[in-house]
Protein backbone atom coordinates (compact mmCIF):
# COMPACT_ATOMS: atom_id res chain seq x y z
CA UNK A 1 42.06 10.05 145.51
CA UNK A 2 38.89 10.12 143.47
CA UNK A 3 37.92 13.49 142.38
CA UNK A 4 34.55 14.91 140.59
CA UNK A 5 35.85 17.70 137.12
CA UNK A 6 33.17 20.21 136.95
CA UNK A 7 33.50 21.73 133.00
CA UNK A 8 32.30 24.91 132.28
CA UNK A 9 31.93 24.13 128.37
CA UNK A 10 30.57 27.03 127.84
CA UNK A 11 34.36 28.77 128.26
CA UNK A 12 36.20 26.33 126.01
CA UNK A 13 33.87 26.29 122.90
CA UNK A 14 33.91 30.30 123.04
CA UNK A 15 37.89 29.98 123.45
CA UNK A 16 38.07 28.14 120.40
CA UNK A 17 35.37 29.73 118.55
CA UNK A 18 37.37 33.65 118.89
CA UNK A 19 40.75 32.02 118.67
CA UNK A 20 40.75 29.27 116.03
CA UNK A 21 40.62 30.31 112.19
CA UNK A 22 37.57 29.31 109.70
CA UNK A 23 39.58 26.50 107.96
CA UNK A 24 37.08 24.04 108.35
CA UNK A 25 33.73 24.37 107.26
CA UNK A 26 30.82 21.48 107.08
CA UNK A 27 28.83 20.56 104.03
CA UNK A 28 25.98 23.10 104.68
CA UNK A 29 28.76 25.69 104.92
CA UNK A 30 28.92 26.02 108.49
CA UNK A 31 31.84 26.59 110.51
CA UNK A 32 33.46 24.40 112.51
CA UNK A 33 36.29 25.91 114.18
CA UNK A 34 34.76 25.94 117.73
CA UNK A 35 34.24 21.85 117.15
CA UNK A 36 37.81 21.11 116.14
CA UNK A 37 39.16 23.44 119.83
CA UNK A 38 36.26 22.11 121.75
CA UNK A 39 36.84 18.31 120.92
CA UNK A 40 40.79 19.02 121.04
CA UNK A 41 40.34 19.87 124.69
CA UNK A 42 38.45 17.03 125.47
CA UNK A 43 40.58 14.97 124.60
CA UNK A 44 43.61 16.12 126.40
CA UNK A 45 41.57 17.40 129.42
CA UNK A 46 40.50 13.23 129.66
CA UNK A 47 43.95 12.14 128.63
CA UNK A 48 45.69 14.57 130.94
CA UNK A 49 43.53 13.85 134.53
CA UNK A 50 42.11 10.15 133.36
CA UNK A 51 38.45 10.80 134.93
CA UNK A 52 36.88 8.69 137.31
CA UNK A 53 34.25 11.23 137.58
CA UNK A 54 33.24 14.34 135.46
CA UNK A 55 30.65 16.74 134.25
CA UNK A 56 30.27 19.04 131.67
CA UNK A 57 27.65 22.11 131.96
CA UNK A 58 26.64 24.11 128.58
CA UNK A 59 24.12 27.42 128.73
CA UNK A 60 21.16 26.68 126.57
CA UNK A 61 19.21 28.77 129.12
CA UNK A 62 19.55 32.40 126.81
CA UNK A 63 16.54 34.42 127.51
CA UNK A 64 14.53 31.45 128.93
CA UNK A 65 15.59 30.47 132.14
CA UNK A 66 13.77 31.78 135.35
CA UNK A 67 16.25 34.31 136.32
CA UNK A 68 14.81 36.90 132.66
CA UNK A 69 11.24 36.40 134.51
CA UNK A 70 12.97 37.83 137.82
CA UNK A 71 14.83 40.67 135.36
CA UNK A 72 13.51 40.48 132.11
CA UNK A 73 17.32 42.81 131.69
CA UNK A 74 19.28 39.89 132.96
CA UNK A 75 22.05 39.72 130.41
CA UNK A 76 20.33 42.09 128.09
CA UNK A 77 23.69 42.65 126.69
CA UNK A 78 24.53 39.40 125.16
CA UNK A 79 23.78 38.96 121.36
CA UNK A 80 22.06 35.36 120.53
CA UNK A 81 23.77 33.23 118.45
CA UNK A 82 22.97 33.12 114.83
CA UNK A 83 22.68 29.81 113.81
CA UNK A 84 25.84 29.48 112.31
CA UNK A 85 26.90 29.40 116.15
CA UNK A 86 23.90 27.30 117.52
CA UNK A 87 25.08 24.62 114.99
CA UNK A 88 28.35 24.27 116.52
CA UNK A 89 27.64 24.76 120.47
CA UNK A 90 24.80 21.91 120.28
CA UNK A 91 27.58 19.78 118.29
CA UNK A 92 30.03 20.72 121.12
CA UNK A 93 27.69 19.20 123.98
CA UNK A 94 26.17 16.47 121.21
CA UNK A 95 30.32 15.49 120.82
CA UNK A 96 30.88 15.54 124.39
CA UNK A 97 28.32 13.09 125.17
CA UNK A 98 29.56 11.00 122.77
CA UNK A 99 32.98 10.56 124.28
CA UNK A 100 31.31 10.40 127.69
CA UNK A 101 30.93 13.20 129.54
CA UNK A 102 27.49 13.38 131.43
CA UNK A 103 26.57 16.81 129.83
CA UNK A 104 24.24 18.95 131.29
CA UNK A 105 21.78 21.85 130.15
CA UNK A 106 18.03 23.35 130.27
CA UNK A 107 16.13 26.16 129.23
CA UNK A 108 15.54 27.40 132.75
CA UNK A 109 19.70 26.73 134.66
CA UNK A 110 22.34 27.97 133.83
CA UNK A 111 25.67 26.20 133.49
CA UNK A 112 26.86 27.64 136.01
CA UNK A 113 23.84 26.04 138.21
CA UNK A 114 24.35 22.81 137.06
CA UNK A 115 28.13 22.89 138.31
CA UNK A 116 26.50 24.43 141.90
CA UNK A 117 24.81 21.14 142.21
CA UNK A 118 26.60 18.67 140.77
CA UNK A 119 29.39 20.09 143.64
CA UNK A 120 26.86 20.18 146.61
CA UNK A 121 25.99 16.68 145.87
CA UNK A 122 29.62 15.45 145.59
CA UNK A 123 30.02 17.56 149.13
CA UNK A 124 27.15 15.22 150.12
CA UNK A 125 29.59 12.12 149.60
CA UNK A 126 33.12 13.54 150.07
CA UNK A 127 34.43 14.05 146.67
CA UNK A 128 36.68 16.68 145.51
CA UNK A 129 35.67 18.52 143.34
CA UNK A 130 37.35 20.47 140.52
CA UNK A 131 35.49 23.46 138.52
CA UNK A 132 37.47 23.95 135.46
CA UNK A 133 37.00 27.44 134.34
CA UNK A 134 38.49 30.77 133.85
CA UNK A 135 35.17 32.58 135.33
CA UNK A 136 36.48 33.04 139.11
CA UNK A 137 32.77 33.82 140.23
CA UNK A 138 32.26 30.02 139.60
CA UNK A 139 34.14 29.69 143.57
CA UNK A 140 30.60 30.41 145.00
CA UNK A 141 30.10 26.43 144.23
CA UNK A 142 33.18 24.98 146.29
CA UNK A 143 32.26 23.47 149.37
CA UNK A 144 34.16 22.15 150.74
CA UNK A 145 38.65 23.15 151.43
CA UNK A 146 39.64 19.78 149.19
CA UNK A 147 37.78 21.21 146.21
CA UNK A 148 39.94 23.94 143.50
CA UNK A 149 39.38 25.91 141.04
CA UNK A 150 40.90 25.69 137.61
CA UNK A 151 41.65 27.55 134.81
CA UNK A 152 42.74 24.70 132.29
CA UNK A 153 44.10 26.56 129.57
CA UNK A 154 46.74 28.71 131.65
CA UNK A 155 46.99 26.12 134.07
CA UNK A 156 46.75 27.84 137.01
CA UNK A 157 44.64 25.82 139.75
CA UNK A 158 43.55 27.61 142.79
CA UNK A 159 42.08 25.69 145.88
CA UNK A 160 38.74 27.00 147.95
CA UNK A 161 41.65 28.58 151.08
CA UNK A 162 43.56 30.38 148.53
CA UNK A 163 40.80 31.75 146.55
CA UNK A 164 39.70 33.69 149.99
CA UNK A 165 42.10 34.15 150.98
CA UNK A 166 43.04 36.44 147.17
CA UNK A 167 39.75 38.38 147.01
CA UNK A 168 39.27 38.70 151.19
CA UNK A 169 36.06 37.19 151.47
CA UNK A 170 34.92 33.30 151.72
CA UNK A 171 32.97 31.83 148.74
CA UNK A 172 29.47 31.93 150.75
CA UNK A 173 29.96 35.46 149.94
CA UNK A 174 30.62 35.55 146.27
CA UNK A 175 27.09 36.08 145.44
CA UNK A 176 26.63 39.08 147.94
CA UNK A 177 29.67 40.42 146.52
CA UNK A 178 27.95 40.68 143.22
CA UNK A 179 24.80 42.04 144.24
CA UNK A 180 26.53 44.68 145.67
CA UNK A 181 29.23 45.64 142.76
CA UNK A 182 27.20 44.37 140.53
CA UNK A 183 27.44 42.37 137.34
CA UNK A 184 28.43 44.13 134.08
CA UNK A 185 29.18 41.22 132.09
CA UNK A 186 25.34 40.21 132.83
CA UNK A 187 24.00 43.37 132.59
CA UNK A 188 22.85 43.32 136.28
CA UNK A 189 23.18 46.88 138.12
CA UNK A 190 25.10 47.61 141.72
CA UNK A 191 24.36 50.28 144.28
CA UNK A 192 26.35 53.51 143.21
CA UNK A 193 29.33 53.97 143.95
CA UNK A 194 30.15 51.01 145.93
CA UNK A 195 32.85 49.08 143.89
CA UNK A 196 34.68 45.99 144.28
CA UNK A 197 37.29 46.95 147.54
CA UNK A 198 33.96 48.33 149.41
CA UNK A 199 32.08 45.28 148.75
CA UNK A 200 34.61 43.89 149.92
CA UNK A 201 35.45 45.89 152.95
CA UNK A 202 31.14 45.56 153.63
CA UNK A 203 30.61 42.54 153.58
CA UNK A 204 34.39 41.13 155.68
CA UNK A 205 32.36 44.19 158.57
CA UNK A 206 28.74 42.72 158.16
CA UNK A 207 28.84 39.11 156.82
CA UNK A 208 26.58 39.53 154.26
CA UNK A 209 23.62 41.41 152.81
CA UNK A 210 21.10 40.65 155.08
CA UNK A 211 23.76 41.69 158.04
CA UNK A 212 24.46 44.75 156.47
CA UNK A 213 21.31 46.43 156.01
CA UNK A 214 20.76 45.03 160.00
CA UNK A 215 23.38 47.14 160.49
CA UNK A 216 23.19 50.69 158.30
CA UNK A 217 23.43 52.47 162.11
CA UNK A 218 27.31 50.96 162.69
CA UNK A 219 28.20 51.82 158.85
CA UNK A 220 31.36 54.11 160.54
CA UNK A 221 32.14 50.70 161.66
CA UNK A 222 33.39 49.64 158.28
CA UNK A 223 36.82 51.38 156.65
CA UNK A 224 34.77 53.06 153.93
CA UNK A 225 34.89 56.77 152.57
CA UNK A 226 31.56 58.90 152.40
CA UNK A 227 29.03 57.04 154.89
CA UNK A 228 26.49 59.02 154.71
CA UNK A 229 26.11 58.56 150.83
CA UNK A 230 26.73 54.77 150.93
CA UNK A 231 24.14 54.35 153.29
CA UNK A 232 21.77 56.70 151.58
CA UNK A 233 22.61 54.84 148.02
CA UNK A 234 21.84 51.42 150.33
CA UNK A 235 18.69 52.52 151.29
CA UNK A 236 17.70 53.76 147.66
CA UNK A 237 18.86 50.46 146.40
CA UNK A 238 17.71 47.93 148.48
CA UNK A 239 15.01 46.31 146.93
CA UNK A 240 17.39 46.17 143.91
CA UNK A 241 19.75 44.53 146.05
CA UNK A 242 17.80 41.68 146.71
CA UNK A 243 16.69 41.49 143.55
CA UNK A 244 20.48 41.06 141.96
CA UNK A 245 21.36 38.23 144.65
CA UNK A 246 18.86 36.36 143.66
CA UNK A 247 20.11 36.39 140.01
CA UNK A 248 23.47 36.50 141.64
CA UNK A 249 23.14 33.07 143.65
CA UNK A 250 23.44 29.67 141.49
CA UNK A 251 21.44 27.74 141.88
CA UNK A 252 22.09 24.21 143.39
CA UNK A 253 18.82 22.33 143.33
CA UNK A 254 19.30 22.50 138.99
CA UNK A 255 19.72 18.35 139.32
CA UNK A 256 17.65 15.67 140.03
CA UNK A 257 20.33 13.37 141.20
CA UNK A 258 20.26 11.11 144.34
CA UNK A 259 24.45 10.55 143.82
CA UNK A 260 27.87 10.90 142.15
CA UNK A 261 27.35 7.99 140.26
CA UNK A 262 25.90 9.77 137.13
CA UNK A 263 29.05 11.32 136.53
CA UNK A 264 31.67 8.26 136.57
CA UNK A 265 33.28 8.70 133.39
CA UNK A 266 32.97 5.29 130.57
CA UNK A 267 35.27 4.97 128.36
CA UNK A 268 33.33 4.96 125.40
CA UNK A 269 33.55 2.76 122.01
CA UNK A 270 35.94 4.95 119.26
CA UNK A 271 33.25 3.44 116.67
CA UNK A 272 30.66 5.46 118.59
CA UNK A 273 32.80 9.02 118.13
CA UNK A 274 33.41 8.58 114.37
CA UNK A 275 30.08 8.04 113.90
CA UNK A 276 29.42 11.60 115.74
CA UNK A 277 31.97 13.48 113.58
CA UNK A 278 30.74 12.40 110.12
CA UNK A 279 27.79 13.47 111.15
CA UNK A 280 28.69 16.70 112.26
CA UNK A 281 30.40 16.47 109.23
CA UNK A 282 33.94 16.89 110.39
CA UNK A 283 36.69 16.03 107.79
CA UNK A 284 38.25 12.60 106.92
CA UNK A 285 42.03 13.39 108.10
CA UNK A 286 40.92 14.95 111.12
CA UNK A 287 38.64 11.94 112.51
CA UNK A 288 41.62 9.59 111.66
CA UNK A 289 43.58 12.46 113.59
CA UNK A 290 41.44 12.68 117.08
CA UNK A 291 40.42 9.28 117.36
CA UNK A 292 44.17 8.43 117.08
CA UNK A 293 44.81 10.71 119.89
CA UNK A 294 41.78 9.50 121.52
CA UNK A 295 43.46 6.14 121.47
CA UNK A 296 46.61 7.37 123.12
CA UNK A 297 44.94 8.96 125.81
CA UNK A 298 44.03 5.41 127.44
CA UNK A 299 48.07 3.97 126.96
């Protein structure tokens, strides 16, 4: 059966950037370790999956996205990439495009939004989706029972149903879940006293944030401790909770596409890939090795 693979590119770029040695440099002195690692990942992935539909999403909205307009402190704990890293991030996207991967990035939306939009479009066409990432929060992009989340590096696949059973909540509750307990990775504050377990219990009982606030007088029905303190905290932080949900909820309108034809994978010509690698500054021996492996992916 055909399937759309949605790659959370930054996960694999940064994995290579932090795990591979600074052994390769271009003529300007920029390290190419992330480029080498990401290129190898793409070749291996394409060889293993032989995708009919494939897209990759990249994060280029650092400090400029619509979430920053809503909450200026959003991701304020992140350090912006320096020129050397910015070069590699751009080179990785360029490389992915030349390798035939439909690639998406922009100043207003994040990679997760593009993946959610692609998954929604695929759902309309009954096309199964595999989200390729290590970020489990991307489970909220899964729309149908045949969709799955795949940590490629760990070779761990989880279906939508398996994720929901394991986490104790539905994928459409993820944004509310993160809003209640906060997301330290993105500098989004939660409600004091609400952690992962309490947030899960509250959503299991009341469905979503709207249902929770409509039922504060019935909070005793949920198996949680310190109901009076919890009710007061929810009341005091109501505005913050709804703001947080607007940050944690993925925007599945990020792509203006009418069909999944835009994601159909087409094998590129090797000469174009070689030119791209040389422009980036990769060495002859490594270029020859990668081109050979890329050609063998179709044998």
